[in-house]
Amino acid sequence: VNRMHEWIAAAKAELGIDLDVDIAGLLDMTKVVAH
């Protein structure tokens, strides 16, 4: 979880994105779609 949050912060900085989203909600969606 810590590594994921660090990665998301680094990716957002690299892409110039200043947006906080519901990470848990997005992960839940990907789980539903994957299964």
Full PDB file with SEQRES, HELIX, SHEET, SSBOND, CRYST1, ORIGX, SCALE, CONECT and MASTER records, all heavy atoms in Angstrom:
SEQRES   1 A   35  VAL ASN ARG MET HIS GLU TRP ILE ALA ALA ALA LYS ALA          
SEQRES   2 A   35  GLU LEU GLY ILE ASP LEU ASP VAL ASP ILE ALA GLY LEU          
SEQRES   3 A   35  LEU ASP MET THR LYS VAL VAL ALA HIS                          
HELIX    1 AA1 ASN A    2  LEU A   15  1                                  14    
HELIX    2 AA2 ILE A   23  ALA A   34  1                                  12    
CRYST1    1.000    1.000    1.000  90.00  90.00  90.00 P 1           1          
ORIGX1      1.000000  0.000000  0.000000        0.00000                         
ORIGX2      0.000000  1.000000  0.000000        0.00000                         
ORIGX3      0.000000  0.000000  1.000000        0.00000                         
SCALE1      1.000000  0.000000  0.000000        0.00000                         
SCALE2      0.000000  1.000000  0.000000        0.00000                         
SCALE3      0.000000  0.000000  1.000000        0.00000                         
ATOM      1  N   VAL A   1       0.844  -1.203   0.000  1.00  0.00           N  
ATOM      2  CA  VAL A   1       0.000   0.000   0.000  1.00  0.00           C  
ATOM      3  C   VAL A   1       0.872   1.242   0.000  1.00  0.00           C  
ATOM      4  O   VAL A   1       0.647   2.169  -0.792  1.00  0.00           O  
ATOM      5  CB  VAL A   1      -0.961  -0.004   1.206  1.00  0.00           C  
ATOM      6  CG1 VAL A   1      -1.677   1.340   1.338  1.00  0.00           C  
ATOM      7  CG2 VAL A   1      -1.970  -1.138   1.091  1.00  0.00           C  
ATOM      8  N   ASN A   2       1.889   1.259   0.843  1.00  0.00           N  
ATOM      9  CA  ASN A   2       2.793   2.415   0.894  1.00  0.00           C  
ATOM     10  C   ASN A   2       3.509   2.613  -0.433  1.00  0.00           C  
ATOM     11  O   ASN A   2       3.615   3.734  -0.934  1.00  0.00           O  
ATOM     12  CB  ASN A   2       3.807   2.261   2.027  1.00  0.00           C  
ATOM     13  CG  ASN A   2       3.172   2.381   3.387  1.00  0.00           C  
ATOM     14  OD1 ASN A   2       2.090   2.956   3.541  1.00  0.00           O  
ATOM     15  ND2 ASN A   2       3.818   1.816   4.385  1.00  0.00           N  
ATOM     16  N   ARG A   3       3.984   1.507  -1.004  1.00  0.00           N  
ATOM     17  CA  ARG A   3       4.686   1.599  -2.286  1.00  0.00           C  
ATOM     18  C   ARG A   3       3.744   2.099  -3.383  1.00  0.00           C  
ATOM     19  O   ARG A   3       4.120   2.903  -4.225  1.00  0.00           O  
ATOM     20  CB  ARG A   3       5.271   0.242  -2.660  1.00  0.00           C  
ATOM     21  CG  ARG A   3       6.138   0.285  -3.875  1.00  0.00           C  
ATOM     22  CD  ARG A   3       6.839  -1.023  -4.079  1.00  0.00           C  
ATOM     23  NE  ARG A   3       7.706  -0.926  -5.247  1.00  0.00           N  
ATOM     24  CZ  ARG A   3       8.467  -1.881  -5.673  1.00  0.00           C  
ATOM     25  NH1 ARG A   3       8.497  -3.031  -5.038  1.00  0.00           N  
ATOM     26  NH2 ARG A   3       9.210  -1.713  -6.737  1.00  0.00           N  
ATOM     27  N   MET A   4       2.499   1.598  -3.374  1.00  0.00           N  
ATOM     28  CA  MET A   4       1.518   2.029  -4.373  1.00  0.00           C  
ATOM     29  C   MET A   4       1.256   3.534  -4.245  1.00  0.00           C  
ATOM     30  O   MET A   4       1.247   4.251  -5.244  1.00  0.00           O  
ATOM     31  CB  MET A   4       0.199   1.270  -4.191  1.00  0.00           C  
ATOM     32  CG  MET A   4      -0.875   1.721  -5.173  1.00  0.00           C  
ATOM     33  SD  MET A   4      -2.503   1.024  -4.806  1.00  0.00           S  
ATOM     34  CE  MET A   4      -2.852   1.759  -3.222  1.00  0.00           C  
ATOM     35  N   HIS A   5       1.070   4.012  -3.019  1.00  0.00           N  
ATOM     36  CA  HIS A   5       0.803   5.445  -2.826  1.00  0.00           C  
ATOM     37  C   HIS A   5       2.004   6.291  -3.247  1.00  0.00           C  
ATOM     38  O   HIS A   5       1.828   7.358  -3.847  1.00  0.00           O  
ATOM     39  CB  HIS A   5       0.393   5.731  -1.381  1.00  0.00           C  
ATOM     40  CG  HIS A   5      -1.019   5.341  -1.081  1.00  0.00           C  
ATOM     41  ND1 HIS A   5      -2.095   6.088  -1.495  1.00  0.00           N  
ATOM     42  CD2 HIS A   5      -1.528   4.278  -0.433  1.00  0.00           C  
ATOM     43  CE1 HIS A   5      -3.211   5.507  -1.107  1.00  0.00           C  
ATOM     44  NE2 HIS A   5      -2.893   4.394  -0.463  1.00  0.00           N  
ATOM     45  N   GLU A   6       3.205   5.806  -2.963  1.00  0.00           N  
ATOM     46  CA  GLU A   6       4.405   6.513  -3.402  1.00  0.00           C  
ATOM     47  C   GLU A   6       4.465   6.548  -4.932  1.00  0.00           C  
ATOM     48  O   GLU A   6       4.798   7.575  -5.529  1.00  0.00           O  
ATOM     49  CB  GLU A   6       5.663   5.845  -2.848  1.00  0.00           C  
ATOM     50  CG  GLU A   6       5.849   6.046  -1.355  1.00  0.00           C  
ATOM     51  CD  GLU A   6       7.026   5.244  -0.810  1.00  0.00           C  
ATOM     52  OE1 GLU A   6       7.845   4.731  -1.598  1.00  0.00           O  
ATOM     53  OE2 GLU A   6       7.114   5.124   0.429  1.00  0.00           O  
ATOM     54  N   TRP A   7       4.148   5.418  -5.569  1.00  0.00           N  
ATOM     55  CA  TRP A   7       4.159   5.348  -7.026  1.00  0.00           C  
ATOM     56  C   TRP A   7       3.122   6.293  -7.623  1.00  0.00           C  
ATOM     57  O   TRP A   7       3.414   7.026  -8.571  1.00  0.00           O  
ATOM     58  CB  TRP A   7       3.911   3.918  -7.501  1.00  0.00           C  
ATOM     59  CG  TRP A   7       3.586   3.876  -8.963  1.00  0.00           C  
ATOM     60  CD1 TRP A   7       2.382   3.618  -9.527  1.00  0.00           C  
ATOM     61  CD2 TRP A   7       4.466   4.171 -10.047  1.00  0.00           C  
ATOM     62  NE1 TRP A   7       2.456   3.723 -10.907  1.00  0.00           N  
ATOM     63  CE2 TRP A   7       3.744   4.057 -11.236  1.00  0.00           C  
ATOM     64  CE3 TRP A   7       5.816   4.517 -10.116  1.00  0.00           C  
ATOM     65  CZ2 TRP A   7       4.302   4.266 -12.485  1.00  0.00           C  
ATOM     66  CZ3 TRP A   7       6.375   4.734 -11.368  1.00  0.00           C  
ATOM     67  CH2 TRP A   7       5.622   4.608 -12.535  1.00  0.00           C  
ATOM     68  N   ILE A   8       1.916   6.279  -7.092  1.00  0.00           N  
ATOM     69  CA  ILE A   8       0.851   7.151  -7.605  1.00  0.00           C  
ATOM     70  C   ILE A   8       1.270   8.609  -7.482  1.00  0.00           C  
ATOM     71  O   ILE A   8       1.081   9.403  -8.410  1.00  0.00           O  
ATOM     72  CB  ILE A   8      -0.491   6.887  -6.881  1.00  0.00           C  
ATOM     73  CG1 ILE A   8      -0.987   5.466  -7.172  1.00  0.00           C  
ATOM     74  CG2 ILE A   8      -1.541   7.917  -7.249  1.00  0.00           C  
ATOM     75  CD1 ILE A   8      -1.232   5.163  -8.635  1.00  0.00           C  
ATOM     76  N   ALA A   9       1.864   8.973  -6.359  1.00  0.00           N  
ATOM     77  CA  ALA A   9       2.329  10.354  -6.176  1.00  0.00           C  
ATOM     78  C   ALA A   9       3.408  10.700  -7.205  1.00  0.00           C  
ATOM     79  O   ALA A   9       3.387  11.793  -7.793  1.00  0.00           O  
ATOM     80  CB  ALA A   9       2.861  10.549  -4.758  1.00  0.00           C  
ATOM     81  N   ALA A  10       4.338   9.782  -7.433  1.00  0.00           N  
ATOM     82  CA  ALA A  10       5.410  10.030  -8.413  1.00  0.00           C  
ATOM     83  C   ALA A  10       4.844  10.119  -9.826  1.00  0.00           C  
ATOM     84  O   ALA A  10       5.236  11.003 -10.607  1.00  0.00           O  
ATOM     85  CB  ALA A  10       6.461   8.922  -8.331  1.00  0.00           C  
ATOM     86  N   ALA A  11       3.909   9.229 -10.169  1.00  0.00           N  
ATOM     87  CA  ALA A  11       3.312   9.247 -11.510  1.00  0.00           C  
ATOM     88  C   ALA A  11       2.516  10.524 -11.729  1.00  0.00           C  
ATOM     89  O   ALA A  11       2.595  11.133 -12.805  1.00  0.00           O  
ATOM     90  CB  ALA A  11       2.428   8.012 -11.710  1.00  0.00           C  
ATOM     91  N   LYS A  12       1.755  10.947 -10.726  1.00  0.00           N  
ATOM     92  CA  LYS A  12       0.988  12.194 -10.848  1.00  0.00           C  
ATOM     93  C   LYS A  12       1.929  13.380 -11.039  1.00  0.00           C  
ATOM     94  O   LYS A  12       1.665  14.248 -11.884  1.00  0.00           O  
ATOM     95  CB  LYS A  12       0.097  12.396  -9.618  1.00  0.00           C  
ATOM     96  CG  LYS A  12      -1.100  11.476  -9.608  1.00  0.00           C  
ATOM     97  CD  LYS A  12      -2.014  11.541  -8.407  1.00  0.00           C  
ATOM     98  CE  LYS A  12      -1.891  12.623  -7.425  1.00  0.00           C  
ATOM     99  NZ  LYS A  12      -2.862  12.579  -6.330  1.00  0.00           N  
ATOM    100  N   ALA A  13       3.019  13.412 -10.292  1.00  0.00           N  
ATOM    101  CA  ALA A  13       3.980  14.507 -10.433  1.00  0.00           C  
ATOM    102  C   ALA A  13       4.601  14.507 -11.830  1.00  0.00           C  
ATOM    103  O   ALA A  13       4.713  15.556 -12.468  1.00  0.00           O  
ATOM    104  CB  ALA A  13       5.068  14.383  -9.364  1.00  0.00           C  
ATOM    105  N   GLU A  14       4.971  13.330 -12.319  1.00  0.00           N  
ATOM    106  CA  GLU A  14       5.581  13.210 -13.644  1.00  0.00           C  
ATOM    107  C   GLU A  14       4.626  13.664 -14.743  1.00  0.00           C  
ATOM    108  O   GLU A  14       5.033  14.276 -15.727  1.00  0.00           O  
ATOM    109  CB  GLU A  14       6.015  11.758 -13.892  1.00  0.00           C  
ATOM    110  CG  GLU A  14       6.715  11.531 -15.191  1.00  0.00           C  
ATOM    111  CD  GLU A  14       8.123  12.130 -15.241  1.00  0.00           C  
ATOM    112  OE1 GLU A  14       8.722  12.401 -14.176  1.00  0.00           O  
ATOM    113  OE2 GLU A  14       8.628  12.334 -16.361  1.00  0.00           O  
ATOM    114  N   LEU A  15       3.330  13.354 -14.563  1.00  0.00           N  
ATOM    115  CA  LEU A  15       2.321  13.702 -15.565  1.00  0.00           C  
ATOM    116  C   LEU A  15       1.700  15.079 -15.357  1.00  0.00           C  
ATOM    117  O   LEU A  15       0.878  15.516 -16.163  1.00  0.00           O  
ATOM    118  CB  LEU A  15       1.208  12.629 -15.565  1.00  0.00           C  
ATOM    119  CG  LEU A  15       1.671  11.228 -15.965  1.00  0.00           C  
ATOM    120  CD1 LEU A  15       0.559  10.220 -15.715  1.00  0.00           C  
ATOM    121  CD2 LEU A  15       2.119  11.198 -17.420  1.00  0.00           C  
ATOM    122  N   GLY A  16       2.091  15.761 -14.289  1.00  0.00           N  
ATOM    123  CA  GLY A  16       1.550  17.089 -14.012  1.00  0.00           C  
ATOM    124  C   GLY A  16       0.087  17.049 -13.589  1.00  0.00           C  
ATOM    125  O   GLY A  16      -0.679  17.959 -13.910  1.00  0.00           O  
ATOM    126  N   ILE A  17      -0.286  16.017 -12.863  1.00  0.00           N  
ATOM    127  CA  ILE A  17      -1.675  15.845 -12.423  1.00  0.00           C  
ATOM    128  C   ILE A  17      -1.782  16.196 -10.947  1.00  0.00           C  
ATOM    129  O   ILE A  17      -1.052  15.660 -10.111  1.00  0.00           O  
ATOM    130  CB  ILE A  17      -2.139  14.391 -12.642  1.00  0.00           C  
ATOM    131  CG1 ILE A  17      -2.110  14.036 -14.125  1.00  0.00           C  
ATOM    132  CG2 ILE A  17      -3.521  14.179 -12.045  1.00  0.00           C  
ATOM    133  CD1 ILE A  17      -2.349  12.564 -14.401  1.00  0.00           C  
ATOM    134  N   ASP A  18      -2.701  17.083 -10.639  1.00  0.00           N  
ATOM    135  CA  ASP A  18      -2.977  17.446  -9.249  1.00  0.00           C  
ATOM    136  C   ASP A  18      -4.434  17.069  -8.973  1.00  0.00           C  
ATOM    137  O   ASP A  18      -5.324  17.913  -9.054  1.00  0.00           O  
ATOM    138  CB  ASP A  18      -2.738  18.942  -9.009  1.00  0.00           C  
ATOM    139  CG  ASP A  18      -2.967  19.330  -7.556  1.00  0.00           C  
ATOM    140  OD1 ASP A  18      -2.881  18.449  -6.687  1.00  0.00           O  
ATOM    141  OD2 ASP A  18      -3.240  20.519  -7.313  1.00  0.00           O  
ATOM    142  N   LEU A  19      -4.652  15.804  -8.712  1.00  0.00           N  
ATOM    143  CA  LEU A  19      -6.008  15.299  -8.536  1.00  0.00           C  
ATOM    144  C   LEU A  19      -5.984  14.148  -7.556  1.00  0.00           C  
ATOM    145  O   LEU A  19      -5.228  13.193  -7.720  1.00  0.00           O  
ATOM    146  CB  LEU A  19      -6.563  14.803  -9.880  1.00  0.00           C  
ATOM    147  CG  LEU A  19      -7.941  14.160  -9.862  1.00  0.00           C  
ATOM    148  CD1 LEU A  19      -9.009  15.195  -9.547  1.00  0.00           C  
ATOM    149  CD2 LEU A  19      -8.215  13.488 -11.200  1.00  0.00           C  
ATOM    150  N   ASP A  20      -6.779  14.267  -6.518  1.00  0.00           N  
ATOM    151  CA  ASP A  20      -6.923  13.170  -5.572  1.00  0.00           C  
ATOM    152  C   ASP A  20      -8.222  12.451  -5.882  1.00  0.00           C  
ATOM    153  O   ASP A  20      -9.282  13.069  -5.971  1.00  0.00           O  
ATOM    154  CB  ASP A  20      -6.949  13.695  -4.135  1.00  0.00           C  
ATOM    155  CG  ASP A  20      -5.594  14.213  -3.697  1.00  0.00           C  
ATOM    156  OD1 ASP A  20      -4.581  13.583  -4.065  1.00  0.00           O  
ATOM    157  OD2 ASP A  20      -5.546  15.243  -3.014  1.00  0.00           O  
ATOM    158  N   VAL A  21      -8.124  11.155  -6.105  1.00  0.00           N  
ATOM    159  CA  VAL A  21      -9.296  10.340  -6.424  1.00  0.00           C  
ATOM    160  C   VAL A  21      -9.417   9.210  -5.410  1.00  0.00           C  
ATOM    161  O   VAL A  21      -8.508   8.946  -4.631  1.00  0.00           O  
ATOM    162  CB  VAL A  21      -9.230   9.763  -7.859  1.00  0.00           C  
ATOM    163  CG1 VAL A  21      -9.276  10.864  -8.895  1.00  0.00           C  
ATOM    164  CG2 VAL A  21      -8.011   8.893  -8.045  1.00  0.00           C  
ATOM    165  N   ASP A  22     -10.543   8.542  -5.463  1.00  0.00           N  
ATOM    166  CA  ASP A  22     -10.826   7.413  -4.583  1.00  0.00           C  
ATOM    167  C   ASP A  22     -10.060   6.192  -5.087  1.00  0.00           C  
ATOM    168  O   ASP A  22     -10.555   5.441  -5.929  1.00  0.00           O  
ATOM    169  CB  ASP A  22     -12.333   7.167  -4.565  1.00  0.00           C  
ATOM    170  CG  ASP A  22     -12.742   5.989  -3.709  1.00  0.00           C  
ATOM    171  OD1 ASP A  22     -11.890   5.447  -2.969  1.00  0.00           O  
ATOM    172  OD2 ASP A  22     -13.928   5.607  -3.787  1.00  0.00           O  
ATOM    173  N   ILE A  23      -8.857   6.009  -4.577  1.00  0.00           N  
ATOM    174  CA  ILE A  23      -8.015   4.902  -5.023  1.00  0.00           C  
ATOM    175  C   ILE A  23      -8.671   3.568  -4.705  1.00  0.00           C  
ATOM    176  O   ILE A  23      -8.687   2.665  -5.544  1.00  0.00           O  
ATOM    177  CB  ILE A  23      -6.606   4.997  -4.399  1.00  0.00           C  
ATOM    178  CG1 ILE A  23      -5.867   6.211  -4.974  1.00  0.00           C  
ATOM    179  CG2 ILE A  23      -5.808   3.713  -4.630  1.00  0.00           C  
ATOM    180  CD1 ILE A  23      -4.536   6.505  -4.328  1.00  0.00           C  
ATOM    181  N   ALA A  24      -9.239   3.431  -3.529  1.00  0.00           N  
ATOM    182  CA  ALA A  24      -9.899   2.174  -3.154  1.00  0.00           C  
ATOM    183  C   ALA A  24     -11.046   1.863  -4.113  1.00  0.00           C  
ATOM    184  O   ALA A  24     -11.230   0.714  -4.523  1.00  0.00           O  
ATOM    185  CB  ALA A  24     -10.392   2.235  -1.715  1.00  0.00           C  
ATOM    186  N   GLY A  25     -11.795   2.881  -4.496  1.00  0.00           N  
ATOM    187  CA  GLY A  25     -12.894   2.686  -5.435  1.00  0.00           C  
ATOM    188  C   GLY A  25     -12.406   2.234  -6.797  1.00  0.00           C  
ATOM    189  O   GLY A  25     -13.001   1.350  -7.425  1.00  0.00           O  
ATOM    190  N   LEU A  26     -11.315   2.820  -7.262  1.00  0.00           N  
ATOM    191  CA  LEU A  26     -10.746   2.413  -8.547  1.00  0.00           C  
ATOM    192  C   LEU A  26     -10.201   0.990  -8.487  1.00  0.00           C  
ATOM    193  O   LEU A  26     -10.370   0.204  -9.418  1.00  0.00           O  
ATOM    194  CB  LEU A  26      -9.652   3.386  -8.988  1.00  0.00           C  
ATOM    195  CG  LEU A  26     -10.149   4.758  -9.436  1.00  0.00           C  
ATOM    196  CD1 LEU A  26      -8.986   5.733  -9.572  1.00  0.00           C  
ATOM    197  CD2 LEU A  26     -10.919   4.663 -10.735  1.00  0.00           C  
ATOM    198  N   LEU A  27      -9.567   0.641  -7.372  1.00  0.00           N  
ATOM    199  CA  LEU A  27      -9.069  -0.725  -7.225  1.00  0.00           C  
ATOM    200  C   LEU A  27     -10.219  -1.728  -7.164  1.00  0.00           C  
ATOM    201  O   LEU A  27     -10.129  -2.816  -7.739  1.00  0.00           O  
ATOM    202  CB  LEU A  27      -8.195  -0.839  -5.975  1.00  0.00           C  
ATOM    203  CG  LEU A  27      -6.853  -0.120  -6.041  1.00  0.00           C  
ATOM    204  CD1 LEU A  27      -6.153  -0.169  -4.683  1.00  0.00           C  
ATOM    205  CD2 LEU A  27      -5.969  -0.710  -7.123  1.00  0.00           C  
ATOM    206  N   ASP A  28     -11.296  -1.350  -6.486  1.00  0.00           N  
ATOM    207  CA  ASP A  28     -12.477  -2.229  -6.445  1.00  0.00           C  
ATOM    208  C   ASP A  28     -13.040  -2.434  -7.845  1.00  0.00           C  
ATOM    209  O   ASP A  28     -13.414  -3.547  -8.218  1.00  0.00           O  
ATOM    210  CB  ASP A  28     -13.554  -1.660  -5.520  1.00  0.00           C  
ATOM    211  CG  ASP A  28     -13.205  -1.787  -4.052  1.00  0.00           C  
ATOM    212  OD1 ASP A  28     -12.305  -2.575  -3.697  1.00  0.00           O  
ATOM    213  OD2 ASP A  28     -13.848  -1.080  -3.241  1.00  0.00           O  
ATOM    214  N   MET A  29     -13.110  -1.361  -8.631  1.00  0.00           N  
ATOM    215  CA  MET A  29     -13.620  -1.473  -9.999  1.00  0.00           C  
ATOM    216  C   MET A  29     -12.748  -2.421 -10.806  1.00  0.00           C  
ATOM    217  O   MET A  29     -13.253  -3.295 -11.506  1.00  0.00           O  
ATOM    218  CB  MET A  29     -13.673  -0.092 -10.664  1.00  0.00           C  
ATOM    219  CG  MET A  29     -14.112  -0.113 -12.132  1.00  0.00           C  
ATOM    220  SD  MET A  29     -12.780  -0.386 -13.327  1.00  0.00           S  
ATOM    221  CE  MET A  29     -11.811   1.092 -13.139  1.00  0.00           C  
ATOM    222  N   THR A  30     -11.427  -2.278 -10.710  1.00  0.00           N  
ATOM    223  CA  THR A  30     -10.562  -3.146 -11.497  1.00  0.00           C  
ATOM    224  C   THR A  30     -10.693  -4.599 -11.054  1.00  0.00           C  
ATOM    225  O   THR A  30     -10.600  -5.510 -11.881  1.00  0.00           O  
ATOM    226  CB  THR A  30      -9.085  -2.707 -11.456  1.00  0.00           C  
ATOM    227  OG1 THR A  30      -8.614  -2.711 -10.116  1.00  0.00           O  
ATOM    228  CG2 THR A  30      -8.904  -1.333 -12.071  1.00  0.00           C  
ATOM    229  N   LYS A  31     -10.949  -4.818  -9.769  1.00  0.00           N  
ATOM    230  CA  LYS A  31     -11.162  -6.181  -9.278  1.00  0.00           C  
ATOM    231  C   LYS A  31     -12.432  -6.777  -9.878  1.00  0.00           C  
ATOM    232  O   LYS A  31     -12.434  -7.916 -10.356  1.00  0.00           O  
ATOM    233  CB  LYS A  31     -11.239  -6.198  -7.754  1.00  0.00           C  
ATOM    234  CG  LYS A  31     -11.459  -7.581  -7.162  1.00  0.00           C  
ATOM    235  CD  LYS A  31     -11.430  -7.554  -5.651  1.00  0.00           C  
ATOM    236  CE  LYS A  31     -12.719  -6.953  -5.150  1.00  0.00           C  
ATOM    237  NZ  LYS A  31     -12.859  -6.987  -3.696  1.00  0.00           N  
ATOM    238  N   VAL A  32     -13.509  -5.989  -9.890  1.00  0.00           N  
ATOM    239  CA  VAL A  32     -14.773  -6.463 -10.463  1.00  0.00           C  
ATOM    240  C   VAL A  32     -14.598  -6.772 -11.949  1.00  0.00           C  
ATOM    241  O   VAL A  32     -15.005  -7.834 -12.426  1.00  0.00           O  
ATOM    242  CB  VAL A  32     -15.901  -5.428 -10.246  1.00  0.00           C  
ATOM    243  CG1 VAL A  32     -17.142  -5.784 -11.048  1.00  0.00           C  
ATOM    244  CG2 VAL A  32     -16.253  -5.312  -8.763  1.00  0.00           C  
ATOM    245  N   VAL A  33     -13.968  -5.864 -12.672  1.00  0.00           N  
ATOM    246  CA  VAL A  33     -13.774  -6.076 -14.111  1.00  0.00           C  
ATOM    247  C   VAL A  33     -12.883  -7.293 -14.357  1.00  0.00           C  
ATOM    248  O   VAL A  33     -13.189  -8.134 -15.209  1.00  0.00           O  
ATOM    249  CB  VAL A  33     -13.196  -4.811 -14.788  1.00  0.00           C  
ATOM    250  CG1 VAL A  33     -12.779  -5.095 -16.218  1.00  0.00           C  
ATOM    251  CG2 VAL A  33     -14.212  -3.674 -14.742  1.00  0.00           C  
ATOM    252  N   ALA A  34     -11.810  -7.420 -13.603  1.00  0.00           N  
ATOM    253  CA  ALA A  34     -10.894  -8.556 -13.788  1.00  0.00           C  
ATOM    254  C   ALA A  34     -11.596  -9.884 -13.541  1.00  0.00           C  
ATOM    255  O   ALA A  34     -11.375 -10.848 -14.275  1.00  0.00           O  
ATOM    256  CB  ALA A  34      -9.689  -8.415 -12.862  1.00  0.00           C  
ATOM    257  N   HIS A  35     -12.447  -9.933 -12.529  1.00  0.00           N  
ATOM    258  CA  HIS A  35     -13.111 -11.193 -12.191  1.00  0.00           C  
ATOM    259  C   HIS A  35     -14.366 -11.453 -13.010  1.00  0.00           C  
ATOM    260  O   HIS A  35     -14.680 -12.600 -13.318  1.00  0.00           O  
ATOM    261  CB  HIS A  35     -13.444 -11.228 -10.697  1.00  0.00           C  
ATOM    262  CG  HIS A  35     -12.239 -11.376  -9.840  1.00  0.00           C  
ATOM    263  ND1 HIS A  35     -11.792 -10.384  -9.007  1.00  0.00           N  
ATOM    264  CD2 HIS A  35     -11.358 -12.391  -9.699  1.00  0.00           C  
ATOM    265  CE1 HIS A  35     -10.703 -10.780  -8.394  1.00  0.00           C  
ATOM    266  NE2 HIS A  35     -10.409 -11.999  -8.794  1.00  0.00           N  
TER     267      HIS A  35                                                      
MASTER        0    0    0    2    0    0    0    6  266    1    0    3          
END                                                                             
